[in-house]
Amino acid sequence: MPGTLVGYLVKVGDTVEDGQPVLTLEAMKMENQLPAPRAGKVAALGPEVGSTVARGDTLLILE
C-alpha cells in the first residue's frame, strides 16, 4: 500500500540494531514506524520526507 514518508529516525552513519525503528510512514491516516530488517550501519537515506512511497521502494540502505 502506498504511504507518505513522515520522517527518518536515523541519519547516515548511525549504527542500528535488528528491529530498531528507522523511519515513520503514514498510510491510511495512521503513522507506522518501520524497523530495520537487520543490524548494520546506515549508508544512505532514500526519498525525501513528504514523498509518496510504494511497496518495493528503497527507503534506506544498510551496509
N, C-alpha and C. Protein backbone atom coordinates (compact mmCIF):
# COMPACT_ATOMS: atom_id res chain seq x y z
N MET A 1 0.84 -1.18 0.00
CA MET A 1 0.00 0.00 0.00
C MET A 1 0.89 1.24 0.00
N PRO A 2 0.58 2.24 -0.79
CA PRO A 2 1.37 3.47 -0.81
C PRO A 2 1.22 4.24 0.50
N GLY A 3 2.23 5.03 0.80
CA GLY A 3 2.21 5.84 2.01
C GLY A 3 3.06 7.07 1.81
N THR A 4 3.09 7.92 2.83
CA THR A 4 3.89 9.13 2.81
C THR A 4 5.00 9.00 3.84
N LEU A 5 6.21 9.31 3.42
CA LEU A 5 7.35 9.26 4.33
C LEU A 5 7.28 10.46 5.26
N VAL A 6 7.05 10.19 6.54
CA VAL A 6 6.90 11.25 7.54
C VAL A 6 8.25 11.71 8.06
N GLY A 7 9.17 10.78 8.26
CA GLY A 7 10.49 11.17 8.75
C GLY A 7 11.39 9.98 9.02
N TYR A 8 12.67 10.27 9.04
CA TYR A 8 13.67 9.26 9.38
C TYR A 8 14.00 9.39 10.86
N LEU A 9 14.22 8.28 11.51
CA LEU A 9 14.58 8.26 12.93
C LEU A 9 16.08 8.05 13.11
N VAL A 10 16.79 7.93 12.00
CA VAL A 10 18.24 7.73 12.00
C VAL A 10 18.85 8.64 10.93
N LYS A 11 20.18 8.75 10.95
CA LYS A 11 20.87 9.52 9.92
C LYS A 11 22.02 8.69 9.37
N VAL A 12 22.57 9.10 8.24
CA VAL A 12 23.69 8.39 7.62
C VAL A 12 24.83 8.32 8.62
N GLY A 13 25.38 7.11 8.75
CA GLY A 13 26.48 6.88 9.67
C GLY A 13 26.06 6.25 10.99
N ASP A 14 24.75 6.29 11.30
CA ASP A 14 24.25 5.68 12.54
C ASP A 14 24.35 4.16 12.45
N THR A 15 24.61 3.53 13.57
CA THR A 15 24.58 2.08 13.68
C THR A 15 23.21 1.71 14.25
N VAL A 16 22.53 0.74 13.61
CA VAL A 16 21.21 0.32 14.07
C VAL A 16 21.22 -1.17 14.40
N GLU A 17 20.32 -1.53 15.30
CA GLU A 17 20.15 -2.93 15.69
C GLU A 17 19.00 -3.54 14.89
N ASP A 18 19.01 -4.85 14.78
CA ASP A 18 17.92 -5.57 14.13
C ASP A 18 16.61 -5.22 14.83
N GLY A 19 15.61 -4.75 14.08
CA GLY A 19 14.31 -4.43 14.64
C GLY A 19 14.16 -3.02 15.18
N GLN A 20 15.23 -2.25 15.17
CA GLN A 20 15.17 -0.87 15.66
C GLN A 20 14.34 -0.02 14.70
N PRO A 21 13.41 0.80 15.18
CA PRO A 21 12.66 1.69 14.29
C PRO A 21 13.61 2.66 13.57
N VAL A 22 13.46 2.77 12.24
CA VAL A 22 14.35 3.63 11.45
C VAL A 22 13.64 4.74 10.70
N LEU A 23 12.33 4.59 10.47
CA LEU A 23 11.59 5.65 9.79
C LEU A 23 10.11 5.52 10.11
N THR A 24 9.38 6.60 9.81
CA THR A 24 7.94 6.63 10.04
C THR A 24 7.23 6.88 8.73
N LEU A 25 6.22 6.04 8.45
CA LEU A 25 5.37 6.19 7.27
C LEU A 25 3.94 6.43 7.71
N GLU A 26 3.23 7.23 6.93
CA GLU A 26 1.79 7.42 7.16
C GLU A 26 1.05 6.71 6.03
N ALA A 27 0.14 5.84 6.42
CA ALA A 27 -0.70 5.15 5.44
C ALA A 27 -2.09 5.00 6.05
N MET A 28 -3.09 5.31 5.29
CA MET A 28 -4.48 5.22 5.75
C MET A 28 -4.68 6.01 7.05
N LYS A 29 -4.06 7.21 7.12
CA LYS A 29 -4.18 8.13 8.25
C LYS A 29 -3.61 7.58 9.55
N MET A 30 -2.74 6.56 9.44
CA MET A 30 -2.06 6.01 10.62
C MET A 30 -0.57 6.11 10.40
N GLU A 31 0.16 6.51 11.44
CA GLU A 31 1.62 6.56 11.35
C GLU A 31 2.19 5.24 11.86
N ASN A 32 3.12 4.68 11.09
CA ASN A 32 3.74 3.40 11.43
C ASN A 32 5.25 3.56 11.40
N GLN A 33 5.92 3.08 12.45
CA GLN A 33 7.37 3.08 12.46
C GLN A 33 7.84 1.76 11.87
N LEU A 34 8.74 1.83 10.89
CA LEU A 34 9.26 0.63 10.25
C LEU A 34 10.60 0.27 10.87
N PRO A 35 10.80 -1.02 11.15
CA PRO A 35 12.04 -1.46 11.78
C PRO A 35 13.13 -1.81 10.77
N ALA A 36 14.37 -1.76 11.24
CA ALA A 36 15.50 -2.22 10.43
C ALA A 36 15.37 -3.73 10.25
N PRO A 37 15.57 -4.23 9.04
CA PRO A 37 15.46 -5.67 8.80
C PRO A 37 16.63 -6.47 9.37
N ARG A 38 17.72 -5.76 9.70
CA ARG A 38 18.91 -6.40 10.27
C ARG A 38 19.77 -5.31 10.89
N ALA A 39 20.76 -5.71 11.65
CA ALA A 39 21.71 -4.75 12.22
C ALA A 39 22.65 -4.26 11.12
N GLY A 40 23.15 -3.05 11.27
CA GLY A 40 24.10 -2.51 10.30
C GLY A 40 24.31 -1.03 10.50
N LYS A 41 25.05 -0.44 9.58
CA LYS A 41 25.33 0.99 9.58
C LYS A 41 24.54 1.63 8.44
N VAL A 42 23.90 2.76 8.71
CA VAL A 42 23.10 3.45 7.69
C VAL A 42 24.05 4.06 6.66
N ALA A 43 23.97 3.56 5.43
CA ALA A 43 24.83 4.03 4.34
C ALA A 43 24.18 5.18 3.56
N ALA A 44 22.84 5.14 3.43
CA ALA A 44 22.14 6.17 2.66
C ALA A 44 20.67 6.18 3.04
N LEU A 45 20.07 7.35 2.91
CA LEU A 45 18.63 7.50 3.10
C LEU A 45 18.00 7.62 1.72
N GLY A 46 16.77 7.15 1.58
CA GLY A 46 16.10 7.14 0.29
C GLY A 46 15.38 8.44 -0.02
N PRO A 47 14.07 8.35 -0.28
CA PRO A 47 13.29 9.52 -0.70
C PRO A 47 13.27 10.61 0.36
N GLU A 48 12.97 11.83 -0.08
CA GLU A 48 12.85 12.96 0.82
C GLU A 48 11.60 12.82 1.68
N VAL A 49 11.66 13.39 2.87
CA VAL A 49 10.50 13.42 3.76
C VAL A 49 9.36 14.12 3.02
N GLY A 50 8.16 13.56 3.12
CA GLY A 50 6.99 14.09 2.42
C GLY A 50 6.70 13.38 1.11
N SER A 51 7.63 12.55 0.65
CA SER A 51 7.46 11.81 -0.60
C SER A 51 6.46 10.68 -0.43
N THR A 52 5.75 10.38 -1.50
CA THR A 52 4.88 9.21 -1.53
C THR A 52 5.73 8.02 -1.95
N VAL A 53 5.62 6.93 -1.20
CA VAL A 53 6.39 5.73 -1.49
C VAL A 53 5.45 4.55 -1.67
N ALA A 54 5.92 3.54 -2.37
CA ALA A 54 5.12 2.36 -2.66
C ALA A 54 5.90 1.11 -2.26
N ARG A 55 5.20 0.01 -2.21
CA ARG A 55 5.83 -1.28 -1.90
C ARG A 55 6.97 -1.52 -2.88
N GLY A 56 8.11 -1.94 -2.34
CA GLY A 56 9.27 -2.23 -3.17
C GLY A 56 10.25 -1.07 -3.32
N ASP A 57 9.85 0.15 -2.91
CA ASP A 57 10.76 1.29 -2.99
C ASP A 57 11.88 1.12 -1.95
N THR A 58 13.08 1.54 -2.30
CA THR A 58 14.20 1.53 -1.36
C THR A 58 14.10 2.77 -0.50
N LEU A 59 13.96 2.58 0.81
CA LEU A 59 13.78 3.70 1.72
C LEU A 59 15.05 4.02 2.50
N LEU A 60 15.93 3.02 2.63
CA LEU A 60 17.12 3.18 3.45
C LEU A 60 18.10 2.09 3.06
N ILE A 61 19.38 2.39 3.04
CA ILE A 61 20.38 1.38 2.71
C ILE A 61 21.28 1.14 3.91
N LEU A 62 21.40 -0.12 4.30
CA LEU A 62 22.31 -0.51 5.39
C LEU A 62 23.52 -1.21 4.79
N GLU A 63 24.69 -0.97 5.40
CA GLU A 63 25.89 -1.69 4.95
C GLU A 63 26.33 -2.63 6.04
